[in-house]
């Protein structure tokens, strides 16, 4: 059960951290920074298109593609952040110290596998 909770958490954490430092400079012009208001559709669609929702396999491929451009220090930061996120989530759920340690170990191992760190 914890793997179902932790894997998406690790994926989101890794994506967020890898995206943080990718492009620090803002290259968009000021006029393009403020989008024009969009009129609301008269009727909202019942379901979003399936292509808009990434599958776990797509997310994994995206993470591995970004991991190829990360430095070793960035990878270590991502691994540490995933471990901390798992520990924090375990504490928030009221897990025992042993369960928190297991969750953190699993998150660290999964993140290392995704980033290709041995």
PDB file of N, CA and C in Angstrom:
ATOM      1  N   UNK A   1       0.813  -1.182   0.000  1.00  0.00           N
ATOM      2  CA  UNK A   1       0.000   0.000   0.000  1.00  0.00           C
ATOM      3  C   UNK A   1       0.866   1.258   0.000  1.00  0.00           C
ATOM      4  N   UNK A   2       1.974   1.219   0.739  1.00  0.00           N
ATOM      5  CA  UNK A   2       2.809   2.416   0.792  1.00  0.00           C
ATOM      6  C   UNK A   2       3.451   2.719  -0.550  1.00  0.00           C
ATOM      7  N   UNK A   3       3.710   1.696  -1.364  1.00  0.00           N
ATOM      8  CA  UNK A   3       4.324   1.951  -2.662  1.00  0.00           C
ATOM      9  C   UNK A   3       3.360   2.706  -3.569  1.00  0.00           C
ATOM     10  N   UNK A   4       2.055   2.438  -3.425  1.00  0.00           N
ATOM     11  CA  UNK A   4       1.070   3.161  -4.229  1.00  0.00           C
ATOM     12  C   UNK A   4       1.033   4.634  -3.846  1.00  0.00           C
ATOM     13  N   UNK A   5       1.337   4.912  -2.604  1.00  0.00           N
ATOM     14  CA  UNK A   5       1.355   6.296  -2.140  1.00  0.00           C
ATOM     15  C   UNK A   5       2.686   6.965  -2.439  1.00  0.00           C
ATOM     16  N   UNK A   6       3.777   6.248  -2.253  1.00  0.00           N
ATOM     17  CA  UNK A   6       5.099   6.854  -2.350  1.00  0.00           C
ATOM     18  C   UNK A   6       5.593   7.049  -3.773  1.00  0.00           C
ATOM     19  N   UNK A   7       5.280   6.147  -4.675  1.00  0.00           N
ATOM     20  CA  UNK A   7       5.793   6.276  -6.035  1.00  0.00           C
ATOM     21  C   UNK A   7       5.317   7.562  -6.702  1.00  0.00           C
ATOM     22  N   UNK A   8       4.012   7.888  -6.651  1.00  0.00           N
ATOM     23  CA  UNK A   8       3.607   9.170  -7.238  1.00  0.00           C
ATOM     24  C   UNK A   8       4.243  10.356  -6.514  1.00  0.00           C
ATOM     25  N   UNK A   9       4.419  10.239  -5.210  1.00  0.00           N
ATOM     26  CA  UNK A   9       5.052  11.307  -4.447  1.00  0.00           C
ATOM     27  C   UNK A   9       6.490  11.514  -4.907  1.00  0.00           C
ATOM     28  N   UNK A  10       7.193  10.425  -5.120  1.00  0.00           N
ATOM     29  CA  UNK A  10       8.577  10.504  -5.585  1.00  0.00           C
ATOM     30  C   UNK A  10       8.628  11.087  -6.991  1.00  0.00           C
ATOM     31  N   UNK A  11       7.720  10.660  -7.846  1.00  0.00           N
ATOM     32  CA  UNK A  11       7.707  11.172  -9.217  1.00  0.00           C
ATOM     33  C   UNK A  11       7.453  12.671  -9.248  1.00  0.00           C
ATOM     34  N   UNK A  12       6.477  13.108  -8.476  1.00  0.00           N
ATOM     35  CA  UNK A  12       6.159  14.534  -8.444  1.00  0.00           C
ATOM     36  C   UNK A  12       7.322  15.322  -7.866  1.00  0.00           C
ATOM     37  N   UNK A  13       7.923  14.806  -6.791  1.00  0.00           N
ATOM     38  CA  UNK A  13       9.059  15.500  -6.180  1.00  0.00           C
ATOM     39  C   UNK A  13      10.226  15.615  -7.143  1.00  0.00           C
ATOM     40  N   UNK A  14      10.512  14.524  -7.824  1.00  0.00           N
ATOM     41  CA  UNK A  14      11.633  14.535  -8.767  1.00  0.00           C
ATOM     42  C   UNK A  14      11.382  15.482  -9.926  1.00  0.00           C
ATOM     43  N   UNK A  15      10.160  15.476 -10.436  1.00  0.00           N
ATOM     44  CA  UNK A  15       9.841  16.393 -11.533  1.00  0.00           C
ATOM     45  C   UNK A  15       9.934  17.845 -11.084  1.00  0.00           C
ATOM     46  N   UNK A  16       9.412  18.123  -9.914  1.00  0.00           N
ATOM     47  CA  UNK A  16       9.428  19.501  -9.425  1.00  0.00           C
ATOM     48  C   UNK A  16      10.853  19.985  -9.191  1.00  0.00           C
ATOM     49  N   UNK A  17      11.666  19.139  -8.591  1.00  0.00           N
ATOM     50  CA  UNK A  17      13.042  19.547  -8.309  1.00  0.00           C
ATOM     51  C   UNK A  17      13.879  19.678  -9.576  1.00  0.00           C
ATOM     52  N   UNK A  18      13.655  18.800 -10.514  1.00  0.00           N
ATOM     53  CA  UNK A  18      14.446  18.895 -11.738  1.00  0.00           C
ATOM     54  C   UNK A  18      14.021  20.096 -12.575  1.00  0.00           C
ATOM     55  N   UNK A  19      12.791  20.512 -12.450  1.00  0.00           N
ATOM     56  CA  UNK A  19      12.314  21.661 -13.212  1.00  0.00           C
ATOM     57  C   UNK A  19      12.717  22.988 -12.572  1.00  0.00           C
ATOM     58  N   UNK A  20      13.049  22.971 -11.300  1.00  0.00           N
ATOM     59  CA  UNK A  20      13.353  24.220 -10.585  1.00  0.00           C
ATOM     60  C   UNK A  20      14.547  24.964 -11.177  1.00  0.00           C
ATOM     61  N   UNK A  21      15.610  24.303 -11.442  1.00  0.00           N
ATOM     62  CA  UNK A  21      16.821  24.984 -11.877  1.00  0.00           C
ATOM     63  C   UNK A  21      17.067  24.921 -13.363  1.00  0.00           C
ATOM     64  N   UNK A  22      16.123  24.450 -14.124  1.00  0.00           N
ATOM     65  CA  UNK A  22      16.372  24.248 -15.547  1.00  0.00           C
ATOM     66  C   UNK A  22      16.594  25.549 -16.301  1.00  0.00           C
ATOM     67  N   UNK A  23      15.791  26.563 -16.062  1.00  0.00           N
ATOM     68  CA  UNK A  23      15.922  27.821 -16.789  1.00  0.00           C
ATOM     69  C   UNK A  23      15.644  28.954 -15.810  1.00  0.00           C
ATOM     70  N   UNK A  24      16.679  29.454 -15.171  1.00  0.00           N
ATOM     71  CA  UNK A  24      16.512  30.495 -14.165  1.00  0.00           C
ATOM     72  C   UNK A  24      16.233  31.861 -14.780  1.00  0.00           C
ATOM     73  N   UNK A  25      16.695  32.108 -15.993  1.00  0.00           N
ATOM     74  CA  UNK A  25      16.498  33.415 -16.622  1.00  0.00           C
ATOM     75  C   UNK A  25      15.135  33.456 -17.302  1.00  0.00           C
ATOM     76  N   UNK A  26      14.455  34.586 -17.127  1.00  0.00           N
ATOM     77  CA  UNK A  26      13.153  34.776 -17.767  1.00  0.00           C
ATOM     78  C   UNK A  26      13.394  35.390 -19.138  1.00  0.00           C
ATOM     79  N   UNK A  27      13.090  34.635 -20.183  1.00  0.00           N
ATOM     80  CA  UNK A  27      13.378  35.096 -21.543  1.00  0.00           C
ATOM     81  C   UNK A  27      12.131  35.582 -22.263  1.00  0.00           C
ATOM     82  N   UNK A  28      10.968  35.556 -21.608  1.00  0.00           N
ATOM     83  CA  UNK A  28       9.749  36.000 -22.267  1.00  0.00           C
ATOM     84  C   UNK A  28       9.620  37.510 -22.166  1.00  0.00           C
ATOM     85  N   UNK A  29       9.135  38.171 -23.213  1.00  0.00           N
ATOM     86  CA  UNK A  29       8.938  39.613 -23.133  1.00  0.00           C
ATOM     87  C   UNK A  29       7.815  39.940 -22.160  1.00  0.00           C
ATOM     88  N   UNK A  30       7.815  41.174 -21.650  1.00  0.00           N
ATOM     89  CA  UNK A  30       6.836  41.576 -20.646  1.00  0.00           C
ATOM     90  C   UNK A  30       5.418  41.504 -21.187  1.00  0.00           C
ATOM     91  N   UNK A  31       5.218  41.822 -22.452  1.00  0.00           N
ATOM     92  CA  UNK A  31       3.877  41.796 -23.024  1.00  0.00           C
ATOM     93  C   UNK A  31       3.334  40.373 -23.092  1.00  0.00           C
ATOM     94  N   UNK A  32       4.201  39.407 -23.309  1.00  0.00           N
ATOM     95  CA  UNK A  32       3.758  38.018 -23.404  1.00  0.00           C
ATOM     96  C   UNK A  32       3.545  37.406 -22.027  1.00  0.00           C
ATOM     97  N   UNK A  33       4.040  38.043 -20.987  1.00  0.00           N
ATOM     98  CA  UNK A  33       3.903  37.494 -19.639  1.00  0.00           C
ATOM     99  C   UNK A  33       2.471  37.584 -19.136  1.00  0.00           C
ATOM    100  N   UNK A  34       1.691  38.514 -19.635  1.00  0.00           N
ATOM    101  CA  UNK A  34       0.311  38.663 -19.202  1.00  0.00           C
ATOM    102  C   UNK A  34      -0.598  38.156 -20.303  1.00  0.00           C
ATOM    103  N   UNK A  35      -1.184  36.966 -20.121  1.00  0.00           N
ATOM    104  CA  UNK A  35      -2.033  36.427 -21.173  1.00  0.00           C
ATOM    105  C   UNK A  35      -3.362  37.173 -21.242  1.00  0.00           C
ATOM    106  N   UNK A  36      -3.937  37.187 -22.418  1.00  0.00           N
ATOM    107  CA  UNK A  36      -5.236  37.825 -22.608  1.00  0.00           C
ATOM    108  C   UNK A  36      -6.310  36.973 -21.938  1.00  0.00           C
ATOM    109  N   UNK A  37      -7.355  37.609 -21.399  1.00  0.00           N
ATOM    110  CA  UNK A  37      -8.414  36.815 -20.768  1.00  0.00           C
ATOM    111  C   UNK A  37      -9.102  35.921 -21.793  1.00  0.00           C
ATOM    112  N   UNK A  38      -9.447  34.736 -21.325  1.00  0.00           N
ATOM    113  CA  UNK A  38     -10.089  33.758 -22.192  1.00  0.00           C
ATOM    114  C   UNK A  38     -11.551  33.654 -21.785  1.00  0.00           C
ATOM    115  N   UNK A  39     -12.438  33.694 -22.758  1.00  0.00           N
ATOM    116  CA  UNK A  39     -13.864  33.578 -22.462  1.00  0.00           C
ATOM    117  C   UNK A  39     -14.180  32.152 -22.027  1.00  0.00           C
ATOM    118  N   UNK A  40     -15.003  32.008 -21.012  1.00  0.00           N
ATOM    119  CA  UNK A  40     -15.381  30.687 -20.518  1.00  0.00           C
ATOM    120  C   UNK A  40     -16.311  30.023 -21.522  1.00  0.00           C
ATOM    121  N   UNK A  41     -16.132  28.731 -21.755  1.00  0.00           N
ATOM    122  CA  UNK A  41     -17.018  28.042 -22.686  1.00  0.00           C
ATOM    123  C   UNK A  41     -18.427  27.956 -22.092  1.00  0.00           C
ATOM    124  N   UNK A  42     -19.403  27.891 -22.956  1.00  0.00           N
ATOM    125  CA  UNK A  42     -20.793  27.840 -22.507  1.00  0.00           C
ATOM    126  C   UNK A  42     -21.066  26.564 -21.736  1.00  0.00           C
ATOM    127  N   UNK A  43     -20.428  25.474 -22.137  1.00  0.00           N
ATOM    128  CA  UNK A  43     -20.649  24.199 -21.476  1.00  0.00           C
ATOM    129  C   UNK A  43     -19.306  23.512 -21.296  1.00  0.00           C
ATOM    130  N   UNK A  44     -19.006  23.104 -20.084  1.00  0.00           N
ATOM    131  CA  UNK A  44     -17.741  22.429 -19.809  1.00  0.00           C
ATOM    132  C   UNK A  44     -17.817  20.999 -20.316  1.00  0.00           C
ATOM    133  N   UNK A  45     -16.730  20.490 -20.881  1.00  0.00           N
ATOM    134  CA  UNK A  45     -16.752  19.104 -21.361  1.00  0.00           C
ATOM    135  C   UNK A  45     -16.873  18.139 -20.181  1.00  0.00           C
ATOM    136  N   UNK A  46     -17.514  17.019 -20.418  1.00  0.00           N
ATOM    137  CA  UNK A  46     -17.742  16.036 -19.360  1.00  0.00           C
ATOM    138  C   UNK A  46     -16.441  15.387 -18.923  1.00  0.00           C
ATOM    139  N   UNK A  47     -15.541  15.135 -19.866  1.00  0.00           N
ATOM    140  CA  UNK A  47     -14.266  14.487 -19.535  1.00  0.00           C
ATOM    141  C   UNK A  47     -13.145  15.192 -20.284  1.00  0.00           C
ATOM    142  N   UNK A  48     -11.993  15.261 -19.631  1.00  0.00           N
ATOM    143  CA  UNK A  48     -10.815  15.809 -20.295  1.00  0.00           C
ATOM    144  C   UNK A  48     -10.289  14.756 -21.264  1.00  0.00           C
ATOM    145  N   UNK A  49      -9.638  15.178 -22.327  1.00  0.00           N
ATOM    146  CA  UNK A  49      -9.086  14.198 -23.268  1.00  0.00           C
ATOM    147  C   UNK A  49      -8.028  13.337 -22.593  1.00  0.00           C
ATOM    148  N   UNK A  50      -7.962  12.089 -22.992  1.00  0.00           N
ATOM    149  CA  UNK A  50      -7.023  11.141 -22.386  1.00  0.00           C
ATOM    150  C   UNK A  50      -5.582  11.534 -22.664  1.00  0.00           C
ATOM    151  N   UNK A  51      -5.317  12.203 -23.770  1.00  0.00           N
ATOM    152  CA  UNK A  51      -3.948  12.583 -24.115  1.00  0.00           C
ATOM    153  C   UNK A  51      -3.398  13.632 -23.155  1.00  0.00           C
ATOM    154  N   UNK A  52      -4.268  14.385 -22.484  1.00  0.00           N
ATOM    155  CA  UNK A  52      -3.813  15.430 -21.579  1.00  0.00           C
ATOM    156  C   UNK A  52      -3.280  14.849 -20.270  1.00  0.00           C
ATOM    157  N   UNK A  53      -3.668  13.641 -19.923  1.00  0.00           N
ATOM    158  CA  UNK A  53      -3.227  13.012 -18.687  1.00  0.00           C
ATOM    159  C   UNK A  53      -2.055  12.088 -18.984  1.00  0.00           C
ATOM    160  N   UNK A  54      -0.874  12.401 -18.420  1.00  0.00           N
ATOM    161  CA  UNK A  54       0.269  11.531 -18.686  1.00  0.00           C
ATOM    162  C   UNK A  54       0.136  10.206 -17.948  1.00  0.00           C
ATOM    163  N   UNK A  55       0.579   9.164 -18.573  1.00  0.00           N
ATOM    164  CA  UNK A  55       0.588   7.847 -17.946  1.00  0.00           C
ATOM    165  C   UNK A  55       1.828   7.732 -17.068  1.00  0.00           C
ATOM    166  N   UNK A  56       1.851   6.781 -16.149  1.00  0.00           N
ATOM    167  CA  UNK A  56       3.056   6.596 -15.337  1.00  0.00           C
ATOM    168  C   UNK A  56       4.297   6.319 -16.185  1.00  0.00           C
ATOM    169  N   UNK A  57       4.111   5.607 -17.285  1.00  0.00           N
ATOM    170  CA  UNK A  57       5.255   5.319 -18.162  1.00  0.00           C
ATOM    171  C   UNK A  57       5.791   6.595 -18.805  1.00  0.00           C
ATOM    172  N   UNK A  58       4.862   7.488 -19.216  1.00  0.00           N
ATOM    173  CA  UNK A  58       5.281   8.764 -19.788  1.00  0.00           C
ATOM    174  C   UNK A  58       6.019   9.612 -18.763  1.00  0.00           C
ATOM    175  N   UNK A  59       5.518   9.604 -17.536  1.00  0.00           N
ATOM    176  CA  UNK A  59       6.160  10.368 -16.465  1.00  0.00           C
ATOM    177  C   UNK A  59       7.556   9.827 -16.194  1.00  0.00           C
ATOM    178  N   UNK A  60       7.699   8.508 -16.183  1.00  0.00           N
ATOM    179  CA  UNK A  60       9.003   7.884 -15.939  1.00  0.00           C
ATOM    180  C   UNK A  60       9.981   8.248 -17.055  1.00  0.00           C
ATOM    181  N   UNK A  61       9.536   8.213 -18.290  1.00  0.00           N
ATOM    182  CA  UNK A  61      10.405   8.577 -19.411  1.00  0.00           C
ATOM    183  C   UNK A  61      10.837  10.038 -19.329  1.00  0.00           C
ATOM    184  N   UNK A  62       9.896  10.909 -18.931  1.00  0.00           N
ATOM    185  CA  UNK A  62      10.222  12.330 -18.802  1.00  0.00           C
ATOM    186  C   UNK A  62      11.247  12.556 -17.699  1.00  0.00           C
ATOM    187  N   UNK A  63      11.096  11.860 -16.600  1.00  0.00           N
ATOM    188  CA  UNK A  63      12.047  11.994 -15.495  1.00  0.00           C
ATOM    189  C   UNK A  63      13.425  11.510 -15.921  1.00  0.00           C
ATOM    190  N   UNK A  64      13.483  10.371 -16.584  1.00  0.00           N
ATOM    191  CA  UNK A  64      14.771   9.835 -17.008  1.00  0.00           C
ATOM    192  C   UNK A  64      15.426  10.727 -18.054  1.00  0.00           C
ATOM    193  N   UNK A  65      14.631  11.353 -18.906  1.00  0.00           N
ATOM    194  CA  UNK A  65      15.192  12.269 -19.904  1.00  0.00           C
ATOM    195  C   UNK A  65      15.792  13.493 -19.212  1.00  0.00           C
ATOM    196  N   UNK A  66      15.094  14.019 -18.195  1.00  0.00           N
ATOM    197  CA  UNK A  66      15.628  15.171 -17.473  1.00  0.00           C
ATOM    198  C   UNK A  66      16.813  14.775 -16.606  1.00  0.00           C
ATOM    199  N   UNK A  67      16.823  13.553 -16.097  1.00  0.00           N
ATOM    200  CA  UNK A  67      17.922  13.097 -15.259  1.00  0.00           C
ATOM    201  C   UNK A  67      19.226  13.050 -16.044  1.00  0.00           C
ATOM    202  N   UNK A  68      19.128  12.842 -17.345  1.00  0.00           N
ATOM    203  CA  UNK A  68      20.322  12.785 -18.182  1.00  0.00           C
ATOM    204  C   UNK A  68      21.032  14.136 -18.222  1.00  0.00           C
ATOM    205  N   UNK A  69      20.299  15.223 -17.987  1.00  0.00           N
ATOM    206  CA  UNK A  69      20.897  16.552 -18.030  1.00  0.00           C
ATOM    207  C   UNK A  69      21.249  17.088 -16.646  1.00  0.00           C
ATOM    208  N   UNK A  70      20.942  16.325 -15.601  1.00  0.00           N
ATOM    209  CA  UNK A  70      21.206  16.779 -14.235  1.00  0.00           C
ATOM    210  C   UNK A  70      22.652  16.472 -13.830  1.00  0.00           C
ATOM    211  N   UNK A  71      23.214  17.332 -12.986  1.00  0.00           N
ATOM    212  CA  UNK A  71      24.540  17.073 -12.439  1.00  0.00           C
ATOM    213  C   UNK A  71      24.411  16.090 -11.285  1.00  0.00           C
ATOM    214  N   UNK A  72      25.532  15.545 -10.847  1.00  0.00           N
ATOM    215  CA  UNK A  72      25.506  14.618  -9.719  1.00  0.00           C
ATOM    216  C   UNK A  72      24.988  15.294  -8.457  1.00  0.00           C
ATOM    217  N   UNK A  73      25.326  16.559  -8.264  1.00  0.00           N
ATOM    218  CA  UNK A  73      24.856  17.287  -7.082  1.00  0.00           C
ATOM    219  C   UNK A  73      23.340  17.455  -7.127  1.00  0.00           C
ATOM    220  N   UNK A  74      22.793  17.750  -8.301  1.00  0.00           N
ATOM    221  CA  UNK A  74      21.345  17.889  -8.438  1.00  0.00           C
ATOM    222  C   UNK A  74      20.642  16.560  -8.179  1.00  0.00           C
ATOM    223  N   UNK A  75      21.249  15.486  -8.654  1.00  0.00           N
ATOM    224  CA  UNK A  75      20.670  14.162  -8.410  1.00  0.00           C
ATOM    225  C   UNK A  75      20.659  13.844  -6.917  1.00  0.00           C
ATOM    226  N   UNK A  76      21.753  14.167  -6.220  1.00  0.00           N
ATOM    227  CA  UNK A  76      21.816  13.906  -4.780  1.00  0.00           C
ATOM    228  C   UNK A  76      20.783  14.749  -4.027  1.00  0.00           C
ATOM    229  N   UNK A  77      20.594  16.002  -4.455  1.00  0.00           N
ATOM    230  CA  UNK A  77      19.575  16.860  -3.841  1.00  0.00           C
ATOM    231  C   UNK A  77      18.180  16.279  -4.058  1.00  0.00           C
ATOM    232  N   UNK A  78      17.934  15.759  -5.243  1.00  0.00           N
ATOM    233  CA  UNK A  78      16.634  15.172  -5.556  1.00  0.00           C
ATOM    234  C   UNK A  78      16.389  13.934  -4.711  1.00  0.00           C
ATOM    235  N   UNK A  79      17.406  13.110  -4.540  1.00  0.00           N
ATOM    236  CA  UNK A  79      17.283  11.906  -3.720  1.00  0.00           C
ATOM    237  C   UNK A  79      17.001  12.283  -2.266  1.00  0.00           C
ATOM    238  N   UNK A  80      17.726  13.266  -1.764  1.00  0.00           N
ATOM    239  CA  UNK A  80      17.516  13.709  -0.379  1.00  0.00           C
ATOM    240  C   UNK A  80      16.121  14.307  -0.199  1.00  0.00           C
ATOM    241  N   UNK A  81      15.667  15.061  -1.175  1.00  0.00           N
ATOM    242  CA  UNK A  81      14.334  15.668  -1.093  1.00  0.00           C
ATOM    243  C   UNK A  81      13.241  14.606  -1.141  1.00  0.00           C
ATOM    244  N   UNK A  82      13.432  13.579  -1.950  1.00  0.00           N
ATOM    245  CA  UNK A  82      12.442  12.498  -2.020  1.00  0.00           C
ATOM    246  C   UNK A  82      12.376  11.745  -0.693  1.00  0.00           C
ATOM    247  N   UNK A  83      13.533  11.520  -0.094  1.00  0.00           N
ATOM    248  CA  UNK A  83      13.572  10.840   1.210  1.00  0.00           C
ATOM    249  C   UNK A  83      12.865  11.690   2.262  1.00  0.00           C
ATOM    250  N   UNK A  84      13.161  12.993   2.279  1.00  0.00           N
ATOM    251  CA  UNK A  84      12.540  13.890   3.260  1.00  0.00           C
ATOM    252  C   UNK A  84      11.032  13.966   3.040  1.00  0.00           C
ATOM    253  N   UNK A  85      10.601  14.016   1.787  1.00  0.00           N
ATOM    254  CA  UNK A  85       9.174  14.069   1.488  1.00  0.00           C
ATOM    255  C   UNK A  85       8.470  12.805   1.982  1.00  0.00           C
ATOM    256  N   UNK A  86       9.118  11.652   1.812  1.00  0.00           N
ATOM    257  CA  UNK A  86       8.537  10.399   2.289  1.00  0.00           C
ATOM    258  C   UNK A  86       8.468  10.382   3.816  1.00  0.00           C
ATOM    259  N   UNK A  87       9.518  10.878   4.472  1.00  0.00           N
ATOM    260  CA  UNK A  87       9.512  10.944   5.935  1.00  0.00           C
ATOM    261  C   UNK A  87       8.404  11.873   6.424  1.00  0.00           C
ATOM    262  N   UNK A  88       8.284  13.028   5.804  1.00  0.00           N
ATOM    263  CA  UNK A  88       7.247  13.988   6.196  1.00  0.00           C
ATOM    264  C   UNK A  88       5.847  13.419   5.978  1.00  0.00           C
ATOM    265  N   UNK A  89       5.656  12.724   4.861  1.00  0.00           N
ATOM    266  CA  UNK A  89       4.356  12.123   4.579  1.00  0.00           C
ATOM    267  C   UNK A  89       4.037  11.029   5.596  1.00  0.00           C
ATOM    268  N   UNK A  90       5.037  10.247   5.961  1.00  0.00           N
ATOM    269  CA  UNK A  90       4.837   9.200   6.957  1.00  0.00           C
ATOM    270  C   UNK A  90       4.471   9.775   8.312  1.00  0.00           C
ATOM    271  N   UNK A  91       5.140  10.851   8.694  1.00  0.00           N
ATOM    272  CA  UNK A  91       4.823  11.514   9.961  1.00  0.00           C
ATOM    273  C   UNK A  91       3.418  12.092   9.932  1.00  0.00           C
ATOM    274  N   UNK A  92       3.038  12.676   8.805  1.00  0.00           N
ATOM    275  CA  UNK A  92       1.703  13.261   8.677  1.00  0.00           C
ATOM    276  C   UNK A  92       0.618  12.191   8.767  1.00  0.00           C
ATOM    277  N   UNK A  93       0.922  10.985   8.335  1.00  0.00           N
ATOM    278  CA  UNK A  93      -0.040   9.892   8.390  1.00  0.00           C
ATOM    279  C   UNK A  93      -0.038   9.196   9.743  1.00  0.00           C
ATOM    280  N   UNK A  94       0.897   9.550  10.604  1.00  0.00           N
ATOM    281  CA  UNK A  94       0.959   8.937  11.927  1.00  0.00           C
ATOM    282  C   UNK A  94       1.571   7.549  11.929  1.00  0.00           C
ATOM    283  N   UNK A  95       2.478   7.273  11.012  1.00  0.00           N
ATOM    284  CA  UNK A  95       3.136   5.974  10.960  1.00  0.00           C
ATOM    285  C   UNK A  95       4.159   5.851  12.090  1.00  0.00           C
ATOM    286  N   UNK A  96       4.538   4.617  12.382  1.00  0.00           N
ATOM    287  CA  UNK A  96       5.575   4.384  13.397  1.00  0.00           C
ATOM    288  C   UNK A  96       6.932   4.773  12.825  1.00  0.00           C
ATOM    289  N   UNK A  97       7.913   4.909  13.718  1.00  0.00           N
ATOM    290  CA  UNK A  97       9.261   5.277  13.272  1.00  0.00           C
ATOM    291  C   UNK A  97       9.826   4.247  12.297  1.00  0.00           C
ATOM    292  N   UNK A  98       9.557   2.970  12.540  1.00  0.00           N
ATOM    293  CA  UNK A  98      10.051   1.918  11.647  1.00  0.00           C
ATOM    294  C   UNK A  98       9.395   2.026  10.267  1.00  0.00           C
ATOM    295  N   UNK A  99       8.093   2.288  10.241  1.00  0.00           N
ATOM    296  CA  UNK A  99       7.400   2.437   8.970  1.00  0.00           C
ATOM    297  C   UNK A  99       7.884   3.676   8.213  1.00  0.00           C
ATOM    298  N   UNK A 100       8.153   4.744   8.942  1.00  0.00           N
ATOM    299  CA  UNK A 100       8.673   5.966   8.319  1.00  0.00           C
ATOM    300  C   UNK A 100      10.033   5.698   7.699  1.00  0.00           C
ATOM    301  N   UNK A 101      10.880   4.954   8.421  1.00  0.00           N
ATOM    302  CA  UNK A 101      12.211   4.620   7.899  1.00  0.00           C
ATOM    303  C   UNK A 101      12.092   3.750   6.650  1.00  0.00           C
ATOM    304  N   UNK A 102      11.180   2.777   6.667  1.00  0.00           N
ATOM    305  CA  UNK A 102      10.983   1.923   5.493  1.00  0.00           C
ATOM    306  C   UNK A 102      10.487   2.734   4.300  1.00  0.00           C
ATOM    307  N   UNK A 103       9.560   3.630   4.537  1.00  0.00           N
ATOM    308  CA  UNK A 103       9.034   4.462   3.457  1.00  0.00           C
ATOM    309  C   UNK A 103      10.137   5.348   2.880  1.00  0.00           C
ATOM    310  N   UNK A 104      10.954   5.930   3.753  1.00  0.00           N
ATOM    311  CA  UNK A 104      12.049   6.783   3.295  1.00  0.00           C
ATOM    312  C   UNK A 104      13.072   5.972   2.498  1.00  0.00           C
ATOM    313  N   UNK A 105      13.379   4.757   2.964  1.00  0.00           N
ATOM    314  CA  UNK A 105      14.315   3.895   2.236  1.00  0.00           C
ATOM    315  C   UNK A 105      13.771   3.525   0.859  1.00  0.00           C
ATOM    316  N   UNK A 106      12.469   3.219   0.803  1.00  0.00           N
ATOM    317  CA  UNK A 106      11.862   2.874  -0.482  1.00  0.00           C
ATOM    318  C   UNK A 106      11.876   4.060  -1.434  1.00  0.00           C
ATOM    319  N   UNK A 107      11.586   5.247  -0.914  1.00  0.00           N
ATOM    320  CA  UNK A 107      11.594   6.444  -1.754  1.00  0.00           C
ATOM    321  C   UNK A 107      13.001   6.729  -2.274  1.00  0.00           C
ATOM    322  N   UNK A 108      13.985   6.569  -1.408  1.00  0.00           N
ATOM    323  CA  UNK A 108      15.366   6.802  -1.818  1.00  0.00           C
ATOM    324  C   UNK A 108      15.788   5.810  -2.897  1.00  0.00           C
ATOM    325  N   UNK A 109      15.451   4.540  -2.699  1.00  0.00           N
ATOM    326  CA  UNK A 109      15.802   3.507  -3.671  1.00  0.00           C
ATOM    327  C   UNK A 109      15.118   3.754  -5.017  1.00  0.00           C
ATOM    328  N   UNK A 110      13.832   4.087  -4.971  1.00  0.00           N
ATOM    329  CA  UNK A 110      13.093   4.340  -6.218  1.00  0.00           C
ATOM    330  C   UNK A 110      13.652   5.551  -6.948  1.00  0.00           C
ATOM    331  N   UNK A 111      14.005   6.591  -6.209  1.00  0.00           N
ATOM    332  CA  UNK A 111      14.557   7.797  -6.831  1.00  0.00           C
ATOM    333  C   UNK A 111      15.918   7.509  -7.449  1.00  0.00           C
ATOM    334  N   UNK A 112      16.731   6.736  -6.750  1.00  0.00           N
ATOM    335  CA  UNK A 112      18.037   6.358  -7.306  1.00  0.00           C
ATOM    336  C   UNK A 112      17.878   5.579  -8.603  1.00  0.00           C
ATOM    337  N   UNK A 113      16.904   4.671  -8.640  1.00  0.00           N
ATOM    338  CA  UNK A 113      16.664   3.896  -9.853  1.00  0.00           C
ATOM    339  C   UNK A 113      16.220   4.799 -10.991  1.00  0.00           C
ATOM    340  N   UNK A 114      15.320   5.729 -10.696  1.00  0.00           N
ATOM    341  CA  UNK A 114      14.818   6.626 -11.746  1.00  0.00           C
ATOM    342  C   UNK A 114      15.915   7.507 -12.305  1.00  0.00           C
ATOM    343  N   UNK A 115      16.816   7.975 -11.426  1.00  0.00           N
ATOM    344  CA  UNK A 115      17.862   8.883 -11.860  1.00  0.00           C
ATOM    345  C   UNK A 115      19.106   8.165 -12.376  1.00  0.00           C
ATOM    346  N   UNK A 116      19.141   6.844 -12.220  1.00  0.00           N
ATOM    347  CA  UNK A 116      20.283   6.088 -12.684  1.00  0.00           C
ATOM    348  C   UNK A 116      21.509   6.219 -11.800  1.00  0.00           C
ATOM    349  N   UNK A 117      21.287   6.437 -10.493  1.00  0.00           N
ATOM    350  CA  UNK A 117      22.378   6.553  -9.534  1.00  0.00           C
ATOM    351  C   UNK A 117      22.565   5.205  -8.861  1.00  0.00           C
ATOM    352  N   UNK A 118      23.797   4.772  -8.744  1.00  0.00           N
ATOM    353  CA  UNK A 118      24.077   3.484  -8.101  1.00  0.00           C
ATOM    354  C   UNK A 118      24.441   3.634  -6.659  1.00  0.00           C
TER     355      UNK A 118
END
